[in-house]
């Protein structure tokens, strides 16, 4: 499952948010829901401290219904939208503290569904193993270079970070999913990192 609010183009984030706000204003409804895997919903439900933190950050109240449905009652559409993003990211395997970074306007979420590339279960397991690496080394290296947070959960690999950071992490992940060597994947990510660093440096100099 791909994240519904960020899918390849950061502009989608803002367009969906605007649509949600317009819908709330038109209907007067101040409630939303999000579905996450039952095992993750159970973990969140048991994390009373995490729930209080999320409710405070997003000015909302959370209610659990069934095995995997979470109802969000917020002060407004933006607060509900933000809480939904955080909960969805938690559902993709991130801890609540990392997922809460999405309350900051310059942080985004992205997810790649490995099953969209292959339906072969053995191949999916192989790709997952390569994305994690021996003792988690591949995942950690992607995080170190890109500064994005990475979670591999189910058939997905997901990212939280600033837009440039996500772009760099996705570059490595896509190369590995395509069957490229780890070295080539790292080279592509490092090249994207250098390019972004140079662009930021040029922007500072121009300012």
N, C-alpha and C. Protein backbone atom coordinates (compact mmCIF):
# COMPACT_ATOMS: atom_id res chain seq x y z
N UNK A 1 0.85 -1.19 0.00
CA UNK A 1 0.00 0.00 0.00
C UNK A 1 0.88 1.24 0.00
N UNK A 2 0.60 2.17 -0.88
CA UNK A 2 1.34 3.42 -0.91
C UNK A 2 0.67 4.45 -0.02
N UNK A 3 1.48 5.32 0.53
CA UNK A 3 0.96 6.41 1.36
C UNK A 3 0.08 7.30 0.49
N UNK A 4 -1.14 7.61 0.93
CA UNK A 4 -2.07 8.32 0.06
C UNK A 4 -1.79 9.79 -0.14
N UNK A 5 -0.92 10.39 0.68
CA UNK A 5 -0.75 11.84 0.59
C UNK A 5 0.59 12.27 0.02
N UNK A 6 1.51 11.35 -0.05
CA UNK A 6 2.79 11.67 -0.69
C UNK A 6 3.14 10.50 -1.59
N UNK A 7 3.13 10.71 -2.87
CA UNK A 7 3.38 9.62 -3.80
C UNK A 7 4.21 10.15 -4.96
N UNK A 8 5.49 10.33 -4.70
CA UNK A 8 6.40 10.71 -5.77
C UNK A 8 6.51 12.21 -6.00
N UNK A 9 5.45 12.96 -5.72
CA UNK A 9 5.46 14.40 -5.99
C UNK A 9 5.00 15.13 -4.74
N UNK A 10 5.88 15.94 -4.16
CA UNK A 10 5.55 16.61 -2.91
C UNK A 10 4.36 17.54 -3.05
N UNK A 11 4.10 18.02 -4.27
CA UNK A 11 2.95 18.90 -4.49
C UNK A 11 1.66 18.20 -4.10
N UNK A 12 1.61 16.87 -4.28
CA UNK A 12 0.41 16.12 -3.93
C UNK A 12 0.05 16.31 -2.46
N UNK A 13 1.05 16.44 -1.61
CA UNK A 13 0.81 16.67 -0.18
C UNK A 13 -0.09 17.88 0.03
N UNK A 14 0.26 18.99 -0.60
CA UNK A 14 -0.47 20.22 -0.40
C UNK A 14 -1.84 20.18 -1.08
N UNK A 15 -1.92 19.58 -2.26
CA UNK A 15 -3.19 19.50 -2.97
C UNK A 15 -4.20 18.69 -2.19
N UNK A 16 -3.77 17.55 -1.65
CA UNK A 16 -4.69 16.72 -0.87
C UNK A 16 -5.11 17.44 0.40
N UNK A 17 -4.15 18.11 1.05
CA UNK A 17 -4.47 18.84 2.28
C UNK A 17 -5.52 19.91 2.00
N UNK A 18 -5.36 20.66 0.90
CA UNK A 18 -6.32 21.71 0.54
C UNK A 18 -7.69 21.10 0.29
N UNK A 19 -7.72 19.96 -0.43
CA UNK A 19 -9.00 19.30 -0.70
C UNK A 19 -9.69 18.87 0.59
N UNK A 20 -8.91 18.34 1.54
CA UNK A 20 -9.48 17.91 2.82
C UNK A 20 -10.05 19.11 3.57
N UNK A 21 -9.31 20.21 3.59
CA UNK A 21 -9.77 21.41 4.31
C UNK A 21 -11.05 21.94 3.68
N UNK A 22 -11.11 21.99 2.35
CA UNK A 22 -12.32 22.47 1.66
C UNK A 22 -13.50 21.58 2.00
N UNK A 23 -13.26 20.25 2.00
CA UNK A 23 -14.34 19.31 2.31
C UNK A 23 -14.84 19.51 3.74
N UNK A 24 -13.92 19.70 4.69
CA UNK A 24 -14.32 19.91 6.09
C UNK A 24 -15.16 21.19 6.23
N UNK A 25 -14.72 22.26 5.56
CA UNK A 25 -15.45 23.52 5.64
C UNK A 25 -16.85 23.39 5.05
N UNK A 26 -16.94 22.60 3.97
CA UNK A 26 -18.22 22.46 3.28
C UNK A 26 -19.21 21.60 4.07
N UNK A 27 -18.68 20.57 4.74
CA UNK A 27 -19.56 19.62 5.43
C UNK A 27 -19.70 19.88 6.92
N UNK A 28 -18.73 20.63 7.48
CA UNK A 28 -18.75 20.85 8.92
C UNK A 28 -18.29 19.65 9.72
N UNK A 29 -17.81 18.62 9.05
CA UNK A 29 -17.35 17.41 9.72
C UNK A 29 -15.94 17.64 10.26
N UNK A 30 -15.71 17.30 11.51
CA UNK A 30 -14.38 17.44 12.11
C UNK A 30 -13.93 16.09 12.66
N UNK A 31 -13.85 15.11 11.77
CA UNK A 31 -13.45 13.77 12.16
C UNK A 31 -12.90 13.05 10.94
N UNK A 32 -11.91 12.21 11.16
CA UNK A 32 -11.34 11.44 10.06
C UNK A 32 -10.94 10.08 10.61
N UNK A 33 -10.61 9.16 9.73
CA UNK A 33 -10.17 7.85 10.17
C UNK A 33 -9.00 7.38 9.33
N UNK A 34 -8.22 6.48 9.90
CA UNK A 34 -7.08 5.91 9.20
C UNK A 34 -7.00 4.43 9.58
N UNK A 35 -6.64 3.61 8.61
CA UNK A 35 -6.50 2.18 8.84
C UNK A 35 -5.03 1.79 8.74
N UNK A 36 -4.54 1.06 9.73
CA UNK A 36 -3.17 0.58 9.72
C UNK A 36 -3.19 -0.90 10.10
N UNK A 37 -2.09 -1.64 9.84
CA UNK A 37 -2.08 -3.06 10.20
C UNK A 37 -2.46 -3.28 11.66
N UNK A 38 -3.21 -4.34 11.91
CA UNK A 38 -3.74 -4.60 13.25
C UNK A 38 -2.64 -4.68 14.31
N UNK A 39 -1.51 -5.29 13.95
CA UNK A 39 -0.42 -5.41 14.93
C UNK A 39 0.13 -4.05 15.33
N UNK A 40 0.18 -3.12 14.37
CA UNK A 40 0.68 -1.78 14.67
C UNK A 40 -0.38 -0.98 15.46
N UNK A 41 -1.65 -1.18 15.11
CA UNK A 41 -2.71 -0.50 15.85
C UNK A 41 -2.71 -0.94 17.31
N UNK A 42 -2.46 -2.23 17.56
CA UNK A 42 -2.41 -2.74 18.93
C UNK A 42 -1.25 -2.12 19.70
N UNK A 43 -0.10 -1.96 19.02
CA UNK A 43 1.06 -1.34 19.67
C UNK A 43 0.77 0.11 20.03
N UNK A 44 0.15 0.84 19.10
CA UNK A 44 -0.17 2.24 19.37
C UNK A 44 -1.18 2.36 20.51
N UNK A 45 -2.18 1.51 20.50
CA UNK A 45 -3.21 1.55 21.54
C UNK A 45 -2.62 1.33 22.92
N UNK A 46 -1.58 0.48 22.98
CA UNK A 46 -0.94 0.18 24.26
C UNK A 46 0.04 1.26 24.70
N UNK A 47 0.42 2.15 23.77
CA UNK A 47 1.40 3.20 24.07
C UNK A 47 0.69 4.47 24.53
N UNK A 48 0.29 4.50 25.77
CA UNK A 48 -0.48 5.64 26.29
C UNK A 48 0.31 6.94 26.21
N UNK A 49 1.61 6.85 26.49
CA UNK A 49 2.46 8.04 26.43
C UNK A 49 2.54 8.55 24.99
N UNK A 50 2.69 7.64 24.03
CA UNK A 50 2.76 8.03 22.62
C UNK A 50 1.46 8.66 22.15
N UNK A 51 0.33 8.10 22.60
CA UNK A 51 -0.97 8.66 22.23
C UNK A 51 -1.11 10.08 22.76
N UNK A 52 -0.74 10.28 24.02
CA UNK A 52 -0.84 11.63 24.60
C UNK A 52 0.05 12.62 23.84
N UNK A 53 1.24 12.16 23.46
CA UNK A 53 2.15 13.03 22.72
C UNK A 53 1.55 13.43 21.39
N UNK A 54 0.99 12.45 20.66
CA UNK A 54 0.40 12.73 19.36
C UNK A 54 -0.81 13.63 19.49
N UNK A 55 -1.65 13.37 20.48
CA UNK A 55 -2.84 14.20 20.67
C UNK A 55 -2.46 15.64 20.99
N UNK A 56 -1.40 15.82 21.77
CA UNK A 56 -0.95 17.18 22.11
C UNK A 56 -0.35 17.88 20.89
N UNK A 57 0.50 17.17 20.13
CA UNK A 57 1.14 17.77 18.96
C UNK A 57 0.12 18.17 17.90
N UNK A 58 -0.91 17.35 17.74
CA UNK A 58 -1.85 17.56 16.64
C UNK A 58 -3.19 18.15 17.09
N UNK A 59 -3.30 18.48 18.37
CA UNK A 59 -4.55 19.04 18.90
C UNK A 59 -5.75 18.18 18.50
N UNK A 60 -5.66 16.90 18.82
CA UNK A 60 -6.71 15.97 18.42
C UNK A 60 -6.93 14.92 19.50
N UNK A 61 -7.97 14.13 19.32
CA UNK A 61 -8.24 12.98 20.17
C UNK A 61 -8.31 11.74 19.29
N UNK A 62 -7.74 10.64 19.79
CA UNK A 62 -7.74 9.39 19.04
C UNK A 62 -8.68 8.39 19.70
N UNK A 63 -9.44 7.69 18.87
CA UNK A 63 -10.30 6.60 19.35
C UNK A 63 -10.04 5.37 18.48
N UNK A 64 -9.99 4.23 19.11
CA UNK A 64 -9.71 2.98 18.40
C UNK A 64 -11.01 2.21 18.19
N UNK A 65 -11.19 1.76 16.95
CA UNK A 65 -12.40 1.01 16.62
C UNK A 65 -12.01 -0.23 15.81
N UNK A 66 -12.39 -1.38 16.31
CA UNK A 66 -12.02 -2.61 15.62
C UNK A 66 -10.53 -2.88 15.78
N UNK A 67 -10.02 -3.77 14.93
CA UNK A 67 -8.62 -4.19 15.05
C UNK A 67 -7.65 -3.20 14.43
N UNK A 68 -8.10 -2.43 13.42
CA UNK A 68 -7.12 -1.61 12.71
C UNK A 68 -7.61 -0.22 12.32
N UNK A 69 -8.71 0.23 12.88
CA UNK A 69 -9.24 1.55 12.54
C UNK A 69 -9.02 2.52 13.70
N UNK A 70 -8.52 3.71 13.35
CA UNK A 70 -8.29 4.76 14.35
C UNK A 70 -9.07 6.00 13.93
N UNK A 71 -9.92 6.49 14.80
CA UNK A 71 -10.72 7.68 14.55
C UNK A 71 -9.97 8.89 15.08
N UNK A 72 -9.89 9.94 14.27
CA UNK A 72 -9.19 11.17 14.65
C UNK A 72 -10.21 12.29 14.77
N UNK A 73 -10.33 12.87 15.94
CA UNK A 73 -11.20 14.02 16.15
C UNK A 73 -10.31 15.22 16.48
N UNK A 74 -10.23 16.17 15.55
CA UNK A 74 -9.31 17.28 15.71
C UNK A 74 -9.99 18.62 15.80
N UNK A 75 -9.18 19.64 16.11
CA UNK A 75 -9.69 21.00 16.17
C UNK A 75 -9.96 21.56 14.77
N UNK A 76 -9.38 20.92 13.76
CA UNK A 76 -9.55 21.40 12.40
C UNK A 76 -9.00 20.40 11.41
N UNK A 77 -9.22 20.69 10.12
CA UNK A 77 -8.81 19.76 9.07
C UNK A 77 -7.30 19.57 9.02
N UNK A 78 -6.55 20.66 9.23
CA UNK A 78 -5.10 20.54 9.15
C UNK A 78 -4.57 19.64 10.26
N UNK A 79 -5.10 19.80 11.47
CA UNK A 79 -4.66 18.97 12.59
C UNK A 79 -4.97 17.50 12.34
N UNK A 80 -6.16 17.22 11.79
CA UNK A 80 -6.53 15.84 11.49
C UNK A 80 -5.64 15.26 10.40
N UNK A 81 -5.37 16.08 9.40
CA UNK A 81 -4.51 15.64 8.30
C UNK A 81 -3.13 15.28 8.82
N UNK A 82 -2.58 16.13 9.69
CA UNK A 82 -1.25 15.88 10.25
C UNK A 82 -1.24 14.61 11.09
N UNK A 83 -2.25 14.45 11.94
CA UNK A 83 -2.34 13.25 12.77
C UNK A 83 -2.46 11.99 11.92
N UNK A 84 -3.21 12.09 10.83
CA UNK A 84 -3.38 10.94 9.94
C UNK A 84 -2.04 10.55 9.32
N UNK A 85 -1.26 11.53 8.92
CA UNK A 85 0.07 11.26 8.37
C UNK A 85 0.94 10.53 9.38
N UNK A 86 0.95 11.03 10.62
CA UNK A 86 1.79 10.44 11.66
C UNK A 86 1.36 9.00 11.94
N UNK A 87 0.06 8.78 12.06
CA UNK A 87 -0.45 7.43 12.35
C UNK A 87 -0.15 6.48 11.20
N UNK A 88 -0.32 6.96 9.98
CA UNK A 88 -0.03 6.09 8.84
C UNK A 88 1.44 5.70 8.83
N UNK A 89 2.33 6.65 9.11
CA UNK A 89 3.77 6.36 9.15
C UNK A 89 4.07 5.35 10.27
N UNK A 90 3.41 5.51 11.41
CA UNK A 90 3.57 4.53 12.50
C UNK A 90 3.15 3.15 12.00
N UNK A 91 2.08 3.11 11.25
CA UNK A 91 1.60 1.84 10.70
C UNK A 91 2.57 1.19 9.74
N UNK A 92 3.47 1.98 9.17
CA UNK A 92 4.48 1.44 8.26
C UNK A 92 5.76 1.08 8.99
N UNK A 93 5.72 1.05 10.34
CA UNK A 93 6.84 0.52 11.10
C UNK A 93 7.69 1.53 11.84
N UNK A 94 7.44 2.83 11.67
CA UNK A 94 8.22 3.83 12.39
C UNK A 94 7.76 3.92 13.84
N UNK A 95 8.69 4.26 14.74
CA UNK A 95 8.31 4.55 16.11
C UNK A 95 7.56 5.86 16.17
N UNK A 96 6.83 6.09 17.24
CA UNK A 96 6.00 7.29 17.34
C UNK A 96 6.84 8.56 17.33
N UNK A 97 8.04 8.52 17.93
CA UNK A 97 8.88 9.72 17.97
C UNK A 97 9.35 10.11 16.57
N UNK A 98 9.72 9.11 15.76
CA UNK A 98 10.15 9.40 14.38
C UNK A 98 8.96 9.83 13.55
N UNK A 99 7.84 9.13 13.68
CA UNK A 99 6.64 9.48 12.91
C UNK A 99 6.18 10.90 13.24
N UNK A 100 6.40 11.32 14.49
CA UNK A 100 5.96 12.65 14.92
C UNK A 100 6.73 13.77 14.22
N UNK A 101 7.85 13.45 13.58
CA UNK A 101 8.57 14.46 12.81
C UNK A 101 7.69 15.03 11.70
N UNK A 102 6.67 14.27 11.30
CA UNK A 102 5.78 14.73 10.24
C UNK A 102 4.89 15.88 10.68
N UNK A 103 4.93 16.23 11.95
CA UNK A 103 4.21 17.43 12.39
C UNK A 103 4.96 18.70 11.98
N UNK A 104 6.22 18.55 11.58
CA UNK A 104 7.00 19.69 11.10
C UNK A 104 6.73 19.89 9.61
N UNK A 105 6.52 21.11 9.16
CA UNK A 105 6.12 21.35 7.77
C UNK A 105 7.15 20.97 6.73
N UNK A 106 8.43 20.86 7.10
CA UNK A 106 9.46 20.54 6.11
C UNK A 106 9.82 19.05 6.11
N UNK A 107 9.03 18.23 6.80
CA UNK A 107 9.26 16.79 6.80
C UNK A 107 8.14 16.09 6.03
N UNK A 108 8.54 15.06 5.28
CA UNK A 108 7.60 14.33 4.43
C UNK A 108 7.74 12.83 4.64
N UNK A 109 6.76 12.11 4.11
CA UNK A 109 6.74 10.65 4.17
C UNK A 109 6.61 10.11 2.75
N UNK A 110 7.31 9.03 2.48
CA UNK A 110 7.20 8.36 1.19
C UNK A 110 7.31 6.86 1.43
N UNK A 111 6.64 6.07 0.60
CA UNK A 111 6.68 4.63 0.76
C UNK A 111 6.73 3.95 -0.60
N UNK A 112 7.55 2.92 -0.71
CA UNK A 112 7.65 2.13 -1.93
C UNK A 112 7.10 0.74 -1.63
N UNK A 113 6.14 0.30 -2.43
CA UNK A 113 5.55 -1.03 -2.27
C UNK A 113 6.32 -2.01 -3.16
N UNK A 114 7.09 -2.89 -2.54
CA UNK A 114 7.92 -3.84 -3.29
C UNK A 114 7.07 -4.76 -4.14
N UNK A 115 5.86 -5.07 -3.67
CA UNK A 115 5.00 -6.00 -4.41
C UNK A 115 4.52 -5.42 -5.74
N UNK A 116 4.70 -4.11 -5.94
CA UNK A 116 4.37 -3.53 -7.24
C UNK A 116 5.41 -3.88 -8.30
N UNK A 117 6.58 -4.34 -7.85
CA UNK A 117 7.65 -4.69 -8.77
C UNK A 117 7.68 -6.19 -9.06
N UNK A 118 7.21 -6.99 -8.11
CA UNK A 118 7.17 -8.44 -8.30
C UNK A 118 6.11 -9.03 -7.38
N UNK A 119 5.43 -10.07 -7.87
CA UNK A 119 4.43 -10.77 -7.06
C UNK A 119 5.01 -12.04 -6.45
N UNK A 120 6.24 -12.35 -6.80
CA UNK A 120 6.89 -13.55 -6.30
C UNK A 120 7.30 -13.34 -4.84
N UNK A 121 6.71 -14.12 -3.94
CA UNK A 121 6.97 -13.95 -2.51
C UNK A 121 8.43 -14.16 -2.15
N UNK A 122 9.06 -15.14 -2.80
CA UNK A 122 10.48 -15.38 -2.52
C UNK A 122 11.33 -14.20 -2.96
N UNK A 123 10.96 -13.61 -4.11
CA UNK A 123 11.70 -12.45 -4.61
C UNK A 123 11.50 -11.25 -3.67
N UNK A 124 10.28 -11.07 -3.16
CA UNK A 124 10.02 -9.98 -2.22
C UNK A 124 10.87 -10.14 -0.96
N UNK A 125 10.94 -11.38 -0.44
CA UNK A 125 11.76 -11.63 0.75
C UNK A 125 13.24 -11.34 0.47
N UNK A 126 13.68 -11.70 -0.74
CA UNK A 126 15.08 -11.46 -1.12
C UNK A 126 15.36 -9.95 -1.18
N UNK A 127 14.44 -9.20 -1.77
CA UNK A 127 14.62 -7.75 -1.87
C UNK A 127 14.62 -7.12 -0.48
N UNK A 128 13.70 -7.56 0.37
CA UNK A 128 13.67 -7.05 1.74
C UNK A 128 15.01 -7.29 2.44
N UNK A 129 15.53 -8.49 2.29
CA UNK A 129 16.80 -8.83 2.93
C UNK A 129 17.93 -7.95 2.41
N UNK A 130 17.93 -7.66 1.11
CA UNK A 130 18.98 -6.83 0.53
C UNK A 130 18.84 -5.37 0.98
N UNK A 131 17.61 -4.91 1.16
CA UNK A 131 17.39 -3.54 1.64
C UNK A 131 17.83 -3.39 3.09
N UNK A 132 17.65 -4.43 3.88
CA UNK A 132 18.09 -4.39 5.28
C UNK A 132 19.60 -4.56 5.37
N UNK A 133 20.14 -5.54 4.62
CA UNK A 133 21.57 -5.80 4.65
C UNK A 133 21.97 -6.65 5.84
N UNK A 134 23.19 -7.16 5.80
CA UNK A 134 23.71 -7.98 6.90
C UNK A 134 23.75 -7.16 8.19
N UNK A 135 23.05 -7.67 9.20
CA UNK A 135 22.98 -6.97 10.50
C UNK A 135 22.46 -5.53 10.37
N UNK A 136 21.65 -5.29 9.33
CA UNK A 136 21.05 -3.97 9.16
C UNK A 136 21.97 -2.92 8.56
N UNK A 137 23.11 -3.36 8.00
CA UNK A 137 24.10 -2.36 7.53
C UNK A 137 23.60 -1.53 6.36
N UNK A 138 22.87 -2.14 5.42
CA UNK A 138 22.40 -1.38 4.25
C UNK A 138 21.41 -0.29 4.68
N UNK A 139 20.45 -0.67 5.49
CA UNK A 139 19.47 0.31 5.98
C UNK A 139 20.17 1.45 6.71
N UNK A 140 21.10 1.12 7.58
CA UNK A 140 21.80 2.17 8.35
C UNK A 140 22.62 3.08 7.43
N UNK A 141 23.27 2.51 6.41
CA UNK A 141 24.08 3.34 5.52
C UNK A 141 23.21 4.32 4.74
N UNK A 142 22.05 3.83 4.29
CA UNK A 142 21.13 4.72 3.59
C UNK A 142 20.71 5.87 4.51
N UNK A 143 20.44 5.56 5.77
CA UNK A 143 20.04 6.60 6.72
C UNK A 143 21.17 7.59 6.98
N UNK A 144 22.40 7.08 7.10
CA UNK A 144 23.54 7.95 7.40
C UNK A 144 23.80 8.92 6.26
N UNK A 145 23.82 8.42 5.03
CA UNK A 145 24.13 9.27 3.88
C UNK A 145 23.00 10.26 3.59
N UNK A 146 21.78 9.77 3.59
CA UNK A 146 20.64 10.60 3.18
C UNK A 146 20.07 11.46 4.31
N UNK A 147 20.31 11.06 5.55
CA UNK A 147 19.71 11.69 6.74
C UNK A 147 18.21 11.45 6.83
N UNK A 148 17.67 10.58 5.97
CA UNK A 148 16.27 10.19 6.07
C UNK A 148 16.15 8.99 7.02
N UNK A 149 15.03 8.86 7.68
CA UNK A 149 14.73 7.69 8.48
C UNK A 149 14.08 6.64 7.59
N UNK A 150 14.45 5.38 7.79
CA UNK A 150 13.98 4.30 6.92
C UNK A 150 13.31 3.22 7.76
N UNK A 151 12.19 2.71 7.25
CA UNK A 151 11.51 1.58 7.89
C UNK A 151 11.15 0.55 6.82
N UNK A 152 11.49 -0.70 7.09
CA UNK A 152 11.13 -1.79 6.19
C UNK A 152 10.13 -2.65 6.93
N UNK A 153 8.89 -2.63 6.44
CA UNK A 153 7.79 -3.29 7.15
C UNK A 153 6.88 -3.95 6.13
N UNK A 154 6.59 -5.23 6.33
CA UNK A 154 5.76 -5.94 5.36
C UNK A 154 6.42 -5.92 4.00
N UNK A 155 5.68 -5.53 2.99
CA UNK A 155 6.21 -5.46 1.63
C UNK A 155 6.64 -4.05 1.25
N UNK A 156 6.82 -3.17 2.23
CA UNK A 156 7.14 -1.78 1.92
C UNK A 156 8.45 -1.33 2.54
N UNK A 157 9.08 -0.37 1.89
CA UNK A 157 10.17 0.39 2.49
C UNK A 157 9.72 1.85 2.49
N UNK A 158 9.79 2.47 3.65
CA UNK A 158 9.24 3.82 3.81
C UNK A 158 10.30 4.77 4.34
N UNK A 159 10.06 6.05 4.10
CA UNK A 159 11.05 7.08 4.43
C UNK A 159 10.38 8.28 5.10
N UNK A 160 11.06 8.87 6.05
CA UNK A 160 10.64 10.14 6.64
C UNK A 160 11.85 11.07 6.63
N UNK A 161 11.64 12.29 6.15
CA UNK A 161 12.74 13.25 6.11
C UNK A 161 12.39 14.45 5.27
N UNK A 162 13.35 15.31 5.08
CA UNK A 162 13.17 16.44 4.17
C UNK A 162 13.18 15.92 2.74
N UNK A 163 12.64 16.71 1.82
CA UNK A 163 12.43 16.21 0.46
C UNK A 163 13.71 15.73 -0.20
N UNK A 164 14.81 16.48 -0.05
CA UNK A 164 16.08 16.06 -0.65
C UNK A 164 16.58 14.76 -0.03
N UNK A 165 16.39 14.61 1.26
CA UNK A 165 16.84 13.40 1.96
C UNK A 165 16.08 12.18 1.47
N UNK A 166 14.76 12.33 1.30
CA UNK A 166 13.95 11.23 0.80
C UNK A 166 14.37 10.86 -0.61
N UNK A 167 14.63 11.87 -1.42
CA UNK A 167 15.06 11.63 -2.81
C UNK A 167 16.33 10.78 -2.84
N UNK A 168 17.28 11.10 -1.98
CA UNK A 168 18.55 10.35 -1.94
C UNK A 168 18.32 8.91 -1.48
N UNK A 169 17.53 8.73 -0.43
CA UNK A 169 17.26 7.39 0.09
C UNK A 169 16.51 6.55 -0.93
N UNK A 170 15.55 7.15 -1.61
CA UNK A 170 14.79 6.42 -2.63
C UNK A 170 15.68 6.01 -3.79
N UNK A 171 16.67 6.82 -4.11
CA UNK A 171 17.59 6.49 -5.20
C UNK A 171 18.29 5.16 -4.92
N UNK A 172 18.78 4.99 -3.70
CA UNK A 172 19.44 3.74 -3.32
C UNK A 172 18.45 2.59 -3.28
N UNK A 173 17.30 2.81 -2.67
CA UNK A 173 16.31 1.74 -2.53
C UNK A 173 15.82 1.25 -3.89
N UNK A 174 15.53 2.16 -4.80
CA UNK A 174 15.05 1.76 -6.12
C UNK A 174 16.11 0.97 -6.88
N UNK A 175 17.37 1.35 -6.73
CA UNK A 175 18.44 0.62 -7.41
C UNK A 175 18.53 -0.81 -6.87
N UNK A 176 18.42 -0.96 -5.56
CA UNK A 176 18.47 -2.30 -4.96
C UNK A 176 17.27 -3.12 -5.39
N UNK A 177 16.09 -2.52 -5.39
CA UNK A 177 14.89 -3.23 -5.82
C UNK A 177 15.01 -3.67 -7.28
N UNK A 178 15.67 -2.86 -8.10
CA UNK A 178 15.88 -3.19 -9.51
C UNK A 178 16.93 -4.27 -9.71
N UNK A 179 17.56 -4.71 -8.62
CA UNK A 179 18.54 -5.79 -8.72
C UNK A 179 19.97 -5.33 -8.89
N UNK A 180 20.22 -4.02 -8.75
CA UNK A 180 21.59 -3.52 -8.87
C UNK A 180 22.40 -3.90 -7.63
N UNK A 181 23.70 -3.86 -7.77
CA UNK A 181 24.58 -4.19 -6.65
C UNK A 181 24.48 -3.10 -5.58
N UNK A 182 24.82 -3.47 -4.34
CA UNK A 182 24.82 -2.47 -3.27
C UNK A 182 25.78 -1.34 -3.58
N UNK A 183 26.94 -1.66 -4.12
CA UNK A 183 27.93 -0.63 -4.42
C UNK A 183 27.37 0.38 -5.42
N UNK A 184 26.70 -0.10 -6.48
CA UNK A 184 26.13 0.81 -7.46
C UNK A 184 25.01 1.64 -6.83
N UNK A 185 24.19 1.01 -5.99
CA UNK A 185 23.11 1.73 -5.31
C UNK A 185 23.68 2.84 -4.43
N UNK A 186 24.74 2.51 -3.71
CA UNK A 186 25.38 3.52 -2.85
C UNK A 186 25.97 4.66 -3.68
N UNK A 187 26.61 4.30 -4.80
CA UNK A 187 27.20 5.32 -5.67
C UNK A 187 26.14 6.29 -6.18
N UNK A 188 24.99 5.75 -6.59
CA UNK A 188 23.91 6.60 -7.09
C UNK A 188 23.38 7.51 -5.98
N UNK A 189 23.23 6.96 -4.79
CA UNK A 189 22.76 7.76 -3.66
C UNK A 189 23.77 8.85 -3.31
N UNK A 190 25.04 8.48 -3.26
CA UNK A 190 26.08 9.45 -2.91
C UNK A 190 26.16 10.56 -3.95
N UNK A 191 25.95 10.21 -5.24
CA UNK A 191 25.95 11.23 -6.29
C UNK A 191 24.78 12.19 -6.11
N UNK A 192 23.60 11.65 -5.77
CA UNK A 192 22.43 12.50 -5.51
C UNK A 192 22.68 13.40 -4.30
N UNK A 193 23.36 12.85 -3.29
CA UNK A 193 23.68 13.63 -2.08
C UNK A 193 24.61 14.79 -2.42
N UNK A 194 25.63 14.52 -3.23
CA UNK A 194 26.56 15.59 -3.63
C UNK A 194 25.84 16.67 -4.43
N UNK A 195 24.97 16.24 -5.33
CA UNK A 195 24.22 17.18 -6.16
C UNK A 195 23.34 18.09 -5.29
N UNK A 196 22.65 17.50 -4.34
CA UNK A 196 21.79 18.30 -3.45
C UNK A 196 22.61 19.24 -2.58
N UNK A 197 23.77 18.76 -2.12
CA UNK A 197 24.63 19.60 -1.28
C UNK A 197 25.14 20.80 -2.07
N UNK A 198 25.53 20.57 -3.32
CA UNK A 198 26.00 21.67 -4.17
C UNK A 198 24.88 22.66 -4.44
N UNK A 199 23.68 22.16 -4.68
CA UNK A 199 22.55 23.06 -4.94
C UNK A 199 22.25 23.93 -3.72
N UNK A 200 22.30 23.32 -2.54
CA UNK A 200 22.07 24.11 -1.32
C UNK A 200 23.16 25.16 -1.13
N UNK A 201 24.40 24.77 -1.42
CA UNK A 201 25.52 25.70 -1.27
C UNK A 201 25.38 26.87 -2.23
N UNK A 202 24.99 26.58 -3.47
CA UNK A 202 24.81 27.65 -4.45
C UNK A 202 23.68 28.58 -4.03
N UNK A 203 22.63 28.01 -3.44
CA UNK A 203 21.51 28.82 -2.97
C UNK A 203 21.93 29.78 -1.88
N UNK A 204 22.80 29.32 -0.97
CA UNK A 204 23.30 30.17 0.11
C UNK A 204 24.16 31.28 -0.45
N UNK A 205 25.02 30.96 -1.41
CA UNK A 205 25.90 31.96 -2.00
C UNK A 205 25.12 33.02 -2.74
N UNK A 206 24.05 32.60 -3.45
CA UNK A 206 23.23 33.57 -4.19
C UNK A 206 22.49 34.50 -3.24
N UNK A 207 22.08 33.95 -2.09
CA UNK A 207 21.36 34.77 -1.11
C UNK A 207 22.27 35.82 -0.50
